[in-house]
């Protein structure tokens, strides 16, 4: 592990990053030069990984730890420990730092993995990097999902639910990781007027997302009891869903949330446009999904490949 002020040498992308000690967050990863969105900034082999069936088995974690070389064990034991109750230290460290791999596996049962430098990326509710996993190469990877200025801390997000307000996000992070988040979105008005409205934006995101979910139920409901023909309900649901998704896209971009969360919006916009038989828009949104998947997950990722295959199918069915 590199010490304070030393460049990292764990990957071909070592020219981008360095680890430094901070006053309030322990060790943290910083950009040593400007990094463009979409750049693979780090990749490493896991210290070890666990299959889905062994993730909750404490003895399996301890077994894999015992297989590590002594030097790797020492690095492992220096990683952050949230001191989860009634757990052996090795198990607690694993759960405090491991990454879920399910979304990267074809069967959705990828298990989890822990890395050395991968465990040094601190959390932000406005992350500038996205985690990805390459099962072919068995490597943990991180892609910049926004342009990162020189000297900026490089952060991922530990929390998948980005639509919650700061108080709720902080409560969850305190509960599971034993720290209080001080990112711009959590500091809010203490930071400046723009971030003082972050909770307002996130609440609007949540409301828009729930509206899309309601529209999905209406669209799929074959037994709507109403005087109007069922297709009129569906047509209205399509329009409301597309409107809510457009609002959600605007809010995400304003908040600075990109990567897979934005790709998810474009996937939904493509789906609802196809339901409306808006062929040009269907293709446009699917291309946006593919671009943002590749930006945040890499071309190797299952999600990126699926989006590319669907895009090719759409272009074949609806040539320009």
C-alpha atoms as a PDB file:
ATOM      1  CA  UNK A   1       0.000   0.000   0.000  1.00  0.00           C
ATOM      2  CA  UNK A   2       1.350   3.375  -0.922  1.00  0.00           C
ATOM      3  CA  UNK A   3       2.020   5.809   1.865  1.00  0.00           C
ATOM      4  CA  UNK A   4       1.071   9.460   2.107  1.00  0.00           C
ATOM      5  CA  UNK A   5       1.892  11.450  -1.013  1.00  0.00           C
ATOM      6  CA  UNK A   6       3.119   8.411  -2.969  1.00  0.00           C
ATOM      7  CA  UNK A   7       1.670   7.556  -6.381  1.00  0.00           C
ATOM      8  CA  UNK A   8      -0.032   4.182  -6.664  1.00  0.00           C
ATOM      9  CA  UNK A   9       1.529   1.360  -8.651  1.00  0.00           C
ATOM     10  CA  UNK A  10      -1.227  -1.236  -8.502  1.00  0.00           C
ATOM     11  CA  UNK A  11      -2.507  -0.818 -12.068  1.00  0.00           C
ATOM     12  CA  UNK A  12      -1.611   0.635 -15.481  1.00  0.00           C
ATOM     13  CA  UNK A  13      -3.646   3.676 -14.473  1.00  0.00           C
ATOM     14  CA  UNK A  14      -1.374   4.468 -11.506  1.00  0.00           C
ATOM     15  CA  UNK A  15      -0.514   7.882 -12.960  1.00  0.00           C
ATOM     16  CA  UNK A  16      -3.989   9.134 -12.057  1.00  0.00           C
ATOM     17  CA  UNK A  17      -4.183   8.539  -8.301  1.00  0.00           C
ATOM     18  CA  UNK A  18      -2.475   8.912  -4.966  1.00  0.00           C
ATOM     19  CA  UNK A  19      -3.384   8.059  -1.387  1.00  0.00           C
ATOM     20  CA  UNK A  20      -3.135  10.787   1.217  1.00  0.00           C
ATOM     21  CA  UNK A  21      -3.997  11.021   4.885  1.00  0.00           C
ATOM     22  CA  UNK A  22      -6.876  13.391   5.706  1.00  0.00           C
ATOM     23  CA  UNK A  23      -7.852  15.160   8.908  1.00  0.00           C
ATOM     24  CA  UNK A  24     -11.352  13.686   9.118  1.00  0.00           C
ATOM     25  CA  UNK A  25     -11.639  10.669   6.786  1.00  0.00           C
ATOM     26  CA  UNK A  26      -8.457   8.689   7.345  1.00  0.00           C
ATOM     27  CA  UNK A  27      -6.730   7.634   4.146  1.00  0.00           C
ATOM     28  CA  UNK A  28      -8.331   8.870   0.938  1.00  0.00           C
ATOM     29  CA  UNK A  29      -7.688   8.649  -2.806  1.00  0.00           C
ATOM     30  CA  UNK A  30      -7.027  11.829  -4.800  1.00  0.00           C
ATOM     31  CA  UNK A  31      -6.547  12.654  -8.478  1.00  0.00           C
ATOM     32  CA  UNK A  32      -2.981  13.720  -9.292  1.00  0.00           C
ATOM     33  CA  UNK A  33      -4.084  15.080 -12.679  1.00  0.00           C
ATOM     34  CA  UNK A  34      -7.286  15.942 -14.502  1.00  0.00           C
ATOM     35  CA  UNK A  35      -9.248  12.793 -15.343  1.00  0.00           C
ATOM     36  CA  UNK A  36     -11.825  12.678 -18.130  1.00  0.00           C
ATOM     37  CA  UNK A  37     -15.165  10.938 -17.675  1.00  0.00           C
ATOM     38  CA  UNK A  38     -15.054   7.354 -18.920  1.00  0.00           C
ATOM     39  CA  UNK A  39     -11.403   6.814 -17.952  1.00  0.00           C
ATOM     40  CA  UNK A  40     -10.507   3.507 -16.322  1.00  0.00           C
ATOM     41  CA  UNK A  41      -8.652   4.896 -13.328  1.00  0.00           C
ATOM     42  CA  UNK A  42      -7.940   1.711 -11.401  1.00  0.00           C
ATOM     43  CA  UNK A  43      -8.098  -2.066 -11.698  1.00  0.00           C
ATOM     44  CA  UNK A  44      -6.841  -4.761  -9.359  1.00  0.00           C
ATOM     45  CA  UNK A  45      -7.205  -8.438  -8.557  1.00  0.00           C
ATOM     46  CA  UNK A  46      -9.332  -8.944  -5.423  1.00  0.00           C
ATOM     47  CA  UNK A  47      -7.588  -9.965  -2.234  1.00  0.00           C
ATOM     48  CA  UNK A  48     -10.256 -12.651  -2.357  1.00  0.00           C
ATOM     49  CA  UNK A  49     -13.859 -13.133  -3.439  1.00  0.00           C
ATOM     50  CA  UNK A  50     -16.776 -15.241  -2.260  1.00  0.00           C
ATOM     51  CA  UNK A  51     -19.521 -16.971  -4.212  1.00  0.00           C
ATOM     52  CA  UNK A  52     -23.123 -16.077  -3.416  1.00  0.00           C
ATOM     53  CA  UNK A  53     -23.676 -19.132  -1.222  1.00  0.00           C
ATOM     54  CA  UNK A  54     -20.729 -18.263   1.031  1.00  0.00           C
ATOM     55  CA  UNK A  55     -21.241 -14.527   1.524  1.00  0.00           C
ATOM     56  CA  UNK A  56     -23.011 -14.963   4.855  1.00  0.00           C
ATOM     57  CA  UNK A  57     -20.664 -17.701   6.072  1.00  0.00           C
ATOM     58  CA  UNK A  58     -18.190 -16.201   8.537  1.00  0.00           C
ATOM     59  CA  UNK A  59     -16.020 -19.307   8.426  1.00  0.00           C
ATOM     60  CA  UNK A  60     -15.692 -18.937   4.629  1.00  0.00           C
ATOM     61  CA  UNK A  61     -14.396 -15.378   5.042  1.00  0.00           C
ATOM     62  CA  UNK A  62     -11.882 -16.491   7.657  1.00  0.00           C
ATOM     63  CA  UNK A  63     -10.860 -19.427   5.479  1.00  0.00           C
ATOM     64  CA  UNK A  64     -10.127 -17.199   2.479  1.00  0.00           C
ATOM     65  CA  UNK A  65      -8.255 -14.730   4.666  1.00  0.00           C
ATOM     66  CA  UNK A  66      -6.070 -17.537   6.019  1.00  0.00           C
ATOM     67  CA  UNK A  67      -5.066 -18.451   2.452  1.00  0.00           C
ATOM     68  CA  UNK A  68      -3.617 -14.988   1.781  1.00  0.00           C
ATOM     69  CA  UNK A  69       0.154 -14.444   1.888  1.00  0.00           C
ATOM     70  CA  UNK A  70       1.312 -12.752   5.083  1.00  0.00           C
ATOM     71  CA  UNK A  71       1.905  -9.429   3.303  1.00  0.00           C
ATOM     72  CA  UNK A  72      -1.653  -9.469   1.927  1.00  0.00           C
ATOM     73  CA  UNK A  73      -3.023 -10.346   5.352  1.00  0.00           C
ATOM     74  CA  UNK A  74      -1.251  -7.340   6.828  1.00  0.00           C
ATOM     75  CA  UNK A  75      -2.738  -5.060   4.143  1.00  0.00           C
ATOM     76  CA  UNK A  76      -6.182  -6.554   4.758  1.00  0.00           C
ATOM     77  CA  UNK A  77      -5.963  -5.909   8.497  1.00  0.00           C
ATOM     78  CA  UNK A  78      -5.144  -2.228   7.853  1.00  0.00           C
ATOM     79  CA  UNK A  79      -8.430  -1.678   6.008  1.00  0.00           C
ATOM     80  CA  UNK A  80     -11.329   0.214   7.548  1.00  0.00           C
ATOM     81  CA  UNK A  81     -13.286  -1.685  10.185  1.00  0.00           C
ATOM     82  CA  UNK A  82     -16.794  -0.489  11.037  1.00  0.00           C
ATOM     83  CA  UNK A  83     -16.560  -2.768  14.085  1.00  0.00           C
ATOM     84  CA  UNK A  84     -19.767  -4.626  13.367  1.00  0.00           C
ATOM     85  CA  UNK A  85     -21.103  -6.158  16.574  1.00  0.00           C
ATOM     86  CA  UNK A  86     -20.428  -9.766  17.527  1.00  0.00           C
ATOM     87  CA  UNK A  87     -18.249 -10.392  14.482  1.00  0.00           C
ATOM     88  CA  UNK A  88     -14.617 -11.490  14.363  1.00  0.00           C
ATOM     89  CA  UNK A  89     -12.376  -8.662  13.160  1.00  0.00           C
ATOM     90  CA  UNK A  90     -11.590 -10.308   9.807  1.00  0.00           C
ATOM     91  CA  UNK A  91     -15.300 -10.776   9.084  1.00  0.00           C
ATOM     92  CA  UNK A  92     -16.131  -7.213  10.118  1.00  0.00           C
ATOM     93  CA  UNK A  93     -13.402  -5.792   7.862  1.00  0.00           C
ATOM     94  CA  UNK A  94     -14.693  -7.855   4.939  1.00  0.00           C
ATOM     95  CA  UNK A  95     -18.273  -6.631   5.340  1.00  0.00           C
ATOM     96  CA  UNK A  96     -17.052  -3.057   5.832  1.00  0.00           C
ATOM     97  CA  UNK A  97     -15.211  -3.028   2.487  1.00  0.00           C
ATOM     98  CA  UNK A  98     -16.496  -5.710   0.111  1.00  0.00           C
ATOM     99  CA  UNK A  99     -18.254  -4.941  -3.183  1.00  0.00           C
ATOM    100  CA  UNK A 100     -21.340  -6.783  -4.383  1.00  0.00           C
ATOM    101  CA  UNK A 101     -20.850  -8.486  -7.760  1.00  0.00           C
ATOM    102  CA  UNK A 102     -24.380  -9.722  -8.465  1.00  0.00           C
ATOM    103  CA  UNK A 103     -25.193  -7.200 -11.208  1.00  0.00           C
ATOM    104  CA  UNK A 104     -22.096  -8.238 -13.161  1.00  0.00           C
ATOM    105  CA  UNK A 105     -22.941 -11.972 -13.307  1.00  0.00           C
ATOM    106  CA  UNK A 106     -25.236 -13.443 -15.994  1.00  0.00           C
ATOM    107  CA  UNK A 107     -27.260 -15.331 -13.373  1.00  0.00           C
ATOM    108  CA  UNK A 108     -27.354 -12.402 -10.936  1.00  0.00           C
ATOM    109  CA  UNK A 109     -25.422 -14.386  -8.332  1.00  0.00           C
ATOM    110  CA  UNK A 110     -21.940 -12.924  -8.508  1.00  0.00           C
ATOM    111  CA  UNK A 111     -21.143 -12.943  -4.807  1.00  0.00           C
ATOM    112  CA  UNK A 112     -18.747 -10.318  -3.479  1.00  0.00           C
ATOM    113  CA  UNK A 113     -15.076  -9.330  -3.456  1.00  0.00           C
ATOM    114  CA  UNK A 114     -12.682  -7.202  -1.449  1.00  0.00           C
ATOM    115  CA  UNK A 115      -9.724  -5.294  -2.848  1.00  0.00           C
ATOM    116  CA  UNK A 116      -6.758  -3.433  -1.398  1.00  0.00           C
ATOM    117  CA  UNK A 117      -6.881  -0.008  -3.043  1.00  0.00           C
ATOM    118  CA  UNK A 118     -10.546  -0.586  -3.913  1.00  0.00           C
ATOM    119  CA  UNK A 119     -11.250  -0.353  -0.187  1.00  0.00           C
ATOM    120  CA  UNK A 120      -9.583   3.074   0.044  1.00  0.00           C
ATOM    121  CA  UNK A 121     -12.195   4.912  -2.029  1.00  0.00           C
ATOM    122  CA  UNK A 122     -14.296   6.899   0.420  1.00  0.00           C
ATOM    123  CA  UNK A 123     -18.023   7.447   0.033  1.00  0.00           C
ATOM    124  CA  UNK A 124     -19.810  10.435  -1.468  1.00  0.00           C
ATOM    125  CA  UNK A 125     -23.507  10.854  -2.225  1.00  0.00           C
ATOM    126  CA  UNK A 126     -22.278  12.558  -5.420  1.00  0.00           C
ATOM    127  CA  UNK A 127     -19.719   9.951  -6.541  1.00  0.00           C
ATOM    128  CA  UNK A 128     -17.259  10.643  -9.336  1.00  0.00           C
ATOM    129  CA  UNK A 129     -16.275   6.999  -9.929  1.00  0.00           C
ATOM    130  CA  UNK A 130     -18.277   3.840 -10.574  1.00  0.00           C
ATOM    131  CA  UNK A 131     -17.321   0.309  -9.562  1.00  0.00           C
ATOM    132  CA  UNK A 132     -17.341  -2.440 -12.173  1.00  0.00           C
ATOM    133  CA  UNK A 133     -16.208  -6.059 -12.174  1.00  0.00           C
ATOM    134  CA  UNK A 134     -14.755  -8.038 -15.062  1.00  0.00           C
ATOM    135  CA  UNK A 135     -15.515 -11.727 -14.531  1.00  0.00           C
ATOM    136  CA  UNK A 136     -13.389 -12.765 -17.511  1.00  0.00           C
ATOM    137  CA  UNK A 137     -10.301 -11.121 -16.009  1.00  0.00           C
ATOM    138  CA  UNK A 138     -11.420 -11.474 -12.384  1.00  0.00           C
ATOM    139  CA  UNK A 139     -10.608  -7.833 -11.749  1.00  0.00           C
ATOM    140  CA  UNK A 140     -12.187  -5.000  -9.794  1.00  0.00           C
ATOM    141  CA  UNK A 141     -12.380  -1.847 -11.915  1.00  0.00           C
ATOM    142  CA  UNK A 142     -13.251   1.801 -11.340  1.00  0.00           C
ATOM    143  CA  UNK A 143     -14.287   4.269 -14.051  1.00  0.00           C
ATOM    144  CA  UNK A 144     -14.551   8.053 -13.774  1.00  0.00           C
ATOM    145  CA  UNK A 145     -18.198   8.982 -14.368  1.00  0.00           C
ATOM    146  CA  UNK A 146     -17.528  12.732 -14.349  1.00  0.00           C
ATOM    147  CA  UNK A 147     -14.514  14.853 -15.209  1.00  0.00           C
ATOM    148  CA  UNK A 148     -12.371  14.926 -12.060  1.00  0.00           C
ATOM    149  CA  UNK A 149     -10.115  17.959 -11.475  1.00  0.00           C
ATOM    150  CA  UNK A 150      -6.570  17.558 -10.241  1.00  0.00           C
ATOM    151  CA  UNK A 151      -6.487  17.432  -6.432  1.00  0.00           C
ATOM    152  CA  UNK A 152     -10.130  16.319  -6.108  1.00  0.00           C
ATOM    153  CA  UNK A 153     -10.898  13.353  -3.858  1.00  0.00           C
ATOM    154  CA  UNK A 154     -12.012  10.298  -5.826  1.00  0.00           C
ATOM    155  CA  UNK A 155     -15.135   8.760  -4.265  1.00  0.00           C
ATOM    156  CA  UNK A 156     -17.589   5.984  -4.997  1.00  0.00           C
ATOM    157  CA  UNK A 157     -21.049   5.563  -3.461  1.00  0.00           C
ATOM    158  CA  UNK A 158     -21.780   2.939  -0.811  1.00  0.00           C
ATOM    159  CA  UNK A 159     -25.539   3.537  -0.937  1.00  0.00           C
ATOM    160  CA  UNK A 160     -27.670   2.517  -3.911  1.00  0.00           C
ATOM    161  CA  UNK A 161     -30.694   4.586  -2.865  1.00  0.00           C
ATOM    162  CA  UNK A 162     -29.695   8.023  -4.090  1.00  0.00           C
ATOM    163  CA  UNK A 163     -33.202   9.473  -3.857  1.00  0.00           C
ATOM    164  CA  UNK A 164     -33.309   9.687  -0.053  1.00  0.00           C
ATOM    165  CA  UNK A 165     -32.775  12.960   1.793  1.00  0.00           C
ATOM    166  CA  UNK A 166     -29.514  13.673   3.609  1.00  0.00           C
ATOM    167  CA  UNK A 167     -30.764  12.789   7.098  1.00  0.00           C
ATOM    168  CA  UNK A 168     -31.868   9.329   6.004  1.00  0.00           C
ATOM    169  CA  UNK A 169     -28.688   8.692   4.006  1.00  0.00           C
ATOM    170  CA  UNK A 170     -26.548   9.737   6.947  1.00  0.00           C
ATOM    171  CA  UNK A 171     -28.490   7.463   9.307  1.00  0.00           C
ATOM    172  CA  UNK A 172     -27.910   4.452   7.066  1.00  0.00           C
ATOM    173  CA  UNK A 173     -24.215   5.186   6.574  1.00  0.00           C
ATOM    174  CA  UNK A 174     -23.785   5.663  10.316  1.00  0.00           C
ATOM    175  CA  UNK A 175     -25.574   2.377  10.971  1.00  0.00           C
ATOM    176  CA  UNK A 176     -23.738   0.238   8.419  1.00  0.00           C
ATOM    177  CA  UNK A 177     -20.354   1.946   8.117  1.00  0.00           C
ATOM    178  CA  UNK A 178     -19.989   3.924  11.361  1.00  0.00           C
ATOM    179  CA  UNK A 179     -19.269   7.330   9.810  1.00  0.00           C
ATOM    180  CA  UNK A 180     -21.111  10.575   9.119  1.00  0.00           C
ATOM    181  CA  UNK A 181     -21.078  11.687   5.487  1.00  0.00           C
ATOM    182  CA  UNK A 182     -19.896  15.263   4.898  1.00  0.00           C
ATOM    183  CA  UNK A 183     -20.239  15.407   1.108  1.00  0.00           C
ATOM    184  CA  UNK A 184     -21.748  18.504  -0.506  1.00  0.00           C
ATOM    185  CA  UNK A 185     -25.210  16.947  -0.738  1.00  0.00           C
ATOM    186  CA  UNK A 186     -25.230  15.998   2.953  1.00  0.00           C
ATOM    187  CA  UNK A 187     -23.794  19.301   4.164  1.00  0.00           C
ATOM    188  CA  UNK A 188     -26.468  21.135   2.183  1.00  0.00           C
ATOM    189  CA  UNK A 189     -26.949  24.744   3.260  1.00  0.00           C
ATOM    190  CA  UNK A 190     -23.741  24.584   5.293  1.00  0.00           C
ATOM    191  CA  UNK A 191     -21.946  24.356   1.933  1.00  0.00           C
ATOM    192  CA  UNK A 192     -23.812  26.904  -0.194  1.00  0.00           C
ATOM    193  CA  UNK A 193     -27.249  27.819  -1.533  1.00  0.00           C
ATOM    194  CA  UNK A 194     -27.132  25.306  -4.395  1.00  0.00           C
ATOM    195  CA  UNK A 195     -26.440  22.349  -2.117  1.00  0.00           C
ATOM    196  CA  UNK A 196     -28.962  23.722   0.346  1.00  0.00           C
ATOM    197  CA  UNK A 197     -31.598  22.613  -2.172  1.00  0.00           C
ATOM    198  CA  UNK A 198     -30.202  19.096  -2.597  1.00  0.00           C
ATOM    199  CA  UNK A 199     -32.892  17.506  -0.401  1.00  0.00           C
ATOM    200  CA  UNK A 200     -35.535  19.281  -2.469  1.00  0.00           C
ATOM    201  CA  UNK A 201     -34.077  17.825  -5.668  1.00  0.00           C
ATOM    202  CA  UNK A 202     -33.750  14.330  -4.208  1.00  0.00           C
ATOM    203  CA  UNK A 203     -37.315  14.386  -2.918  1.00  0.00           C
ATOM    204  CA  UNK A 204     -38.479  15.388  -6.398  1.00  0.00           C
ATOM    205  CA  UNK A 205     -36.419  12.505  -7.830  1.00  0.00           C
ATOM    206  CA  UNK A 206     -38.101  10.063  -5.476  1.00  0.00           C
ATOM    207  CA  UNK A 207     -41.564  11.398  -6.360  1.00  0.00           C
ATOM    208  CA  UNK A 208     -40.849  11.151 -10.094  1.00  0.00           C
ATOM    209  CA  UNK A 209     -39.516   7.607  -9.670  1.00  0.00           C
ATOM    210  CA  UNK A 210     -42.622   6.553  -7.737  1.00  0.00           C
ATOM    211  CA  UNK A 211     -44.785   8.085 -10.457  1.00  0.00           C
ATOM    212  CA  UNK A 212     -43.054   5.924 -13.073  1.00  0.00           C
ATOM    213  CA  UNK A 213     -43.651   2.857 -10.905  1.00  0.00           C
ATOM    214  CA  UNK A 214     -47.360   3.711 -10.709  1.00  0.00           C
ATOM    215  CA  UNK A 215     -47.503   4.152 -14.482  1.00  0.00           C
ATOM    216  CA  UNK A 216     -45.911   0.727 -14.928  1.00  0.00           C
ATOM    217  CA  UNK A 217     -48.633  -0.868 -12.810  1.00  0.00           C
ATOM    218  CA  UNK A 218     -51.339   0.895 -14.815  1.00  0.00           C
ATOM    219  CA  UNK A 219     -49.771  -0.116 -18.122  1.00  0.00           C
ATOM    220  CA  UNK A 220     -49.492  -3.782 -17.143  1.00  0.00           C
ATOM    221  CA  UNK A 221     -52.905  -4.000 -15.483  1.00  0.00           C
ATOM    222  CA  UNK A 222     -55.216  -6.081 -17.673  1.00  0.00           C
ATOM    223  CA  UNK A 223     -58.262  -5.587 -15.414  1.00  0.00           C
ATOM    224  CA  UNK A 224     -58.690  -1.846 -14.982  1.00  0.00           C
ATOM    225  CA  UNK A 225     -62.246  -1.198 -13.892  1.00  0.00           C
ATOM    226  CA  UNK A 226     -63.258   2.020 -15.611  1.00  0.00           C
ATOM    227  CA  UNK A 227     -65.628   3.252 -18.270  1.00  0.00           C
ATOM    228  CA  UNK A 228     -62.811   4.278 -20.598  1.00  0.00           C
ATOM    229  CA  UNK A 229     -61.298   1.657 -22.893  1.00  0.00           C
ATOM    230  CA  UNK A 230     -58.149   0.128 -21.416  1.00  0.00           C
ATOM    231  CA  UNK A 231     -55.893   1.512 -24.163  1.00  0.00           C
ATOM    232  CA  UNK A 232     -56.694   5.063 -23.031  1.00  0.00           C
ATOM    233  CA  UNK A 233     -55.371   4.263 -19.564  1.00  0.00           C
ATOM    234  CA  UNK A 234     -52.228   2.836 -21.114  1.00  0.00           C
ATOM    235  CA  UNK A 235     -51.721   5.798 -23.408  1.00  0.00           C
ATOM    236  CA  UNK A 236     -52.023   8.193 -20.484  1.00  0.00           C
ATOM    237  CA  UNK A 237     -49.638   6.061 -18.423  1.00  0.00           C
ATOM    238  CA  UNK A 238     -47.062   6.237 -21.230  1.00  0.00           C
ATOM    239  CA  UNK A 239     -47.239  10.019 -21.412  1.00  0.00           C
ATOM    240  CA  UNK A 240     -47.030  10.446 -17.639  1.00  0.00           C
ATOM    241  CA  UNK A 241     -44.103   8.026 -17.384  1.00  0.00           C
ATOM    242  CA  UNK A 242     -42.164   9.773 -20.141  1.00  0.00           C
ATOM    243  CA  UNK A 243     -42.799  13.139 -18.503  1.00  0.00           C
ATOM    244  CA  UNK A 244     -41.673  11.887 -15.072  1.00  0.00           C
ATOM    245  CA  UNK A 245     -38.544  10.296 -16.551  1.00  0.00           C
ATOM    246  CA  UNK A 246     -37.676  13.521 -18.358  1.00  0.00           C
ATOM    247  CA  UNK A 247     -37.962  15.375 -15.062  1.00  0.00           C
ATOM    248  CA  UNK A 248     -35.848  12.720 -13.348  1.00  0.00           C
ATOM    249  CA  UNK A 249     -33.121  13.042 -15.981  1.00  0.00           C
ATOM    250  CA  UNK A 250     -33.014  16.829 -15.483  1.00  0.00           C
ATOM    251  CA  UNK A 251     -32.801  16.486 -11.700  1.00  0.00           C
ATOM    252  CA  UNK A 252     -30.037  13.870 -11.836  1.00  0.00           C
ATOM    253  CA  UNK A 253     -27.926  15.985 -14.159  1.00  0.00           C
ATOM    254  CA  UNK A 254     -28.451  19.079 -12.005  1.00  0.00           C
ATOM    255  CA  UNK A 255     -27.426  17.145  -8.879  1.00  0.00           C
ATOM    256  CA  UNK A 256     -24.354  15.773 -10.666  1.00  0.00           C
ATOM    257  CA  UNK A 257     -25.470  12.131 -10.563  1.00  0.00           C
ATOM    258  CA  UNK A 258     -24.285  10.207 -13.601  1.00  0.00           C
ATOM    259  CA  UNK A 259     -23.113   6.722 -14.547  1.00  0.00           C
ATOM    260  CA  UNK A 260     -25.437   3.753 -14.144  1.00  0.00           C
ATOM    261  CA  UNK A 261     -28.170   5.685 -12.318  1.00  0.00           C
ATOM    262  CA  UNK A 262     -28.516   7.904 -15.395  1.00  0.00           C
ATOM    263  CA  UNK A 263     -28.252   4.896 -17.717  1.00  0.00           C
ATOM    264  CA  UNK A 264     -31.248   3.411 -15.892  1.00  0.00           C
ATOM    265  CA  UNK A 265     -33.316   6.478 -16.765  1.00  0.00           C
ATOM    266  CA  UNK A 266     -32.353   6.235 -20.427  1.00  0.00           C
ATOM    267  CA  UNK A 267     -33.245   2.533 -20.457  1.00  0.00           C
ATOM    268  CA  UNK A 268     -36.698   3.387 -19.123  1.00  0.00           C
ATOM    269  CA  UNK A 269     -37.134   6.257 -21.584  1.00  0.00           C
ATOM    270  CA  UNK A 270     -36.311   3.876 -24.427  1.00  0.00           C
ATOM    271  CA  UNK A 271     -38.791   1.294 -23.135  1.00  0.00           C
ATOM    272  CA  UNK A 272     -41.641   3.786 -22.763  1.00  0.00           C
ATOM    273  CA  UNK A 273     -40.876   5.369 -26.147  1.00  0.00           C
ATOM    274  CA  UNK A 274     -41.041   1.925 -27.747  1.00  0.00           C
ATOM    275  CA  UNK A 275     -44.414   1.347 -26.110  1.00  0.00           C
ATOM    276  CA  UNK A 276     -45.567   4.581 -27.732  1.00  0.00           C
ATOM    277  CA  UNK A 277     -44.009   3.415 -31.027  1.00  0.00           C
ATOM    278  CA  UNK A 278     -41.782   6.486 -31.149  1.00  0.00           C
ATOM    279  CA  UNK A 279     -39.063   4.692 -33.030  1.00  0.00           C
ATOM    280  CA  UNK A 280     -36.521   7.504 -33.374  1.00  0.00           C
ATOM    281  CA  UNK A 281     -36.719   8.283 -29.660  1.00  0.00           C
ATOM    282  CA  UNK A 282     -36.539   4.595 -28.752  1.00  0.00           C
ATOM    283  CA  UNK A 283     -33.223   4.278 -30.567  1.00  0.00           C
ATOM    284  CA  UNK A 284     -31.925   7.619 -29.242  1.00  0.00           C
ATOM    285  CA  UNK A 285     -32.533   6.721 -25.597  1.00  0.00           C
ATOM    286  CA  UNK A 286     -31.106   3.228 -26.001  1.00  0.00           C
ATOM    287  CA  UNK A 287     -27.936   4.761 -27.446  1.00  0.00           C
ATOM    288  CA  UNK A 288     -27.753   7.088 -24.431  1.00  0.00           C
ATOM    289  CA  UNK A 289     -28.112   4.092 -22.124  1.00  0.00           C
ATOM    290  CA  UNK A 290     -25.312   2.261 -23.901  1.00  0.00           C
ATOM    291  CA  UNK A 291     -23.014   5.292 -23.756  1.00  0.00           C
ATOM    292  CA  UNK A 292     -23.516   5.800 -20.024  1.00  0.00           C
ATOM    293  CA  UNK A 293     -23.118   2.084 -19.288  1.00  0.00           C
ATOM    294  CA  UNK A 294     -19.834   2.063 -21.168  1.00  0.00           C
ATOM    295  CA  UNK A 295     -18.740   5.263 -19.423  1.00  0.00           C
ATOM    296  CA  UNK A 296     -19.391   3.878 -15.937  1.00  0.00           C
ATOM    297  CA  UNK A 297     -18.969   0.122 -16.313  1.00  0.00           C
ATOM    298  CA  UNK A 298     -16.723  -0.362 -19.345  1.00  0.00           C
ATOM    299  CA  UNK A 299     -17.351  -2.092 -22.650  1.00  0.00           C
ATOM    300  CA  UNK A 300     -16.760  -5.495 -21.052  1.00  0.00           C
ATOM    301  CA  UNK A 301     -19.715  -5.235 -18.647  1.00  0.00           C
ATOM    302  CA  UNK A 302     -22.759  -7.430 -19.138  1.00  0.00           C
ATOM    303  CA  UNK A 303     -25.054  -4.407 -18.841  1.00  0.00           C
ATOM    304  CA  UNK A 304     -23.151  -2.546 -21.578  1.00  0.00           C
ATOM    305  CA  UNK A 305     -23.248  -5.558 -23.897  1.00  0.00           C
ATOM    306  CA  UNK A 306     -26.973  -6.047 -23.329  1.00  0.00           C
ATOM    307  CA  UNK A 307     -27.647  -2.400 -24.175  1.00  0.00           C
ATOM    308  CA  UNK A 308     -25.495  -2.664 -27.317  1.00  0.00           C
ATOM    309  CA  UNK A 309     -27.312  -5.827 -28.437  1.00  0.00           C
ATOM    310  CA  UNK A 310     -30.715  -4.238 -27.892  1.00  0.00           C
ATOM    311  CA  UNK A 311     -29.577  -1.126 -29.767  1.00  0.00           C
ATOM    312  CA  UNK A 312     -28.419  -3.230 -32.728  1.00  0.00           C
ATOM    313  CA  UNK A 313     -31.763  -5.050 -32.713  1.00  0.00           C
ATOM    314  CA  UNK A 314     -33.685  -1.763 -32.674  1.00  0.00           C
ATOM    315  CA  UNK A 315     -31.638  -0.340 -35.531  1.00  0.00           C
ATOM    316  CA  UNK A 316     -32.250  -3.534 -37.490  1.00  0.00           C
ATOM    317  CA  UNK A 317     -35.989  -3.325 -36.922  1.00  0.00           C
ATOM    318  CA  UNK A 318     -36.261   0.430 -37.347  1.00  0.00           C
ATOM    319  CA  UNK A 319     -33.557   1.493 -39.818  1.00  0.00           C
ATOM    320  CA  UNK A 320     -33.088   5.232 -40.228  1.00  0.00           C
END
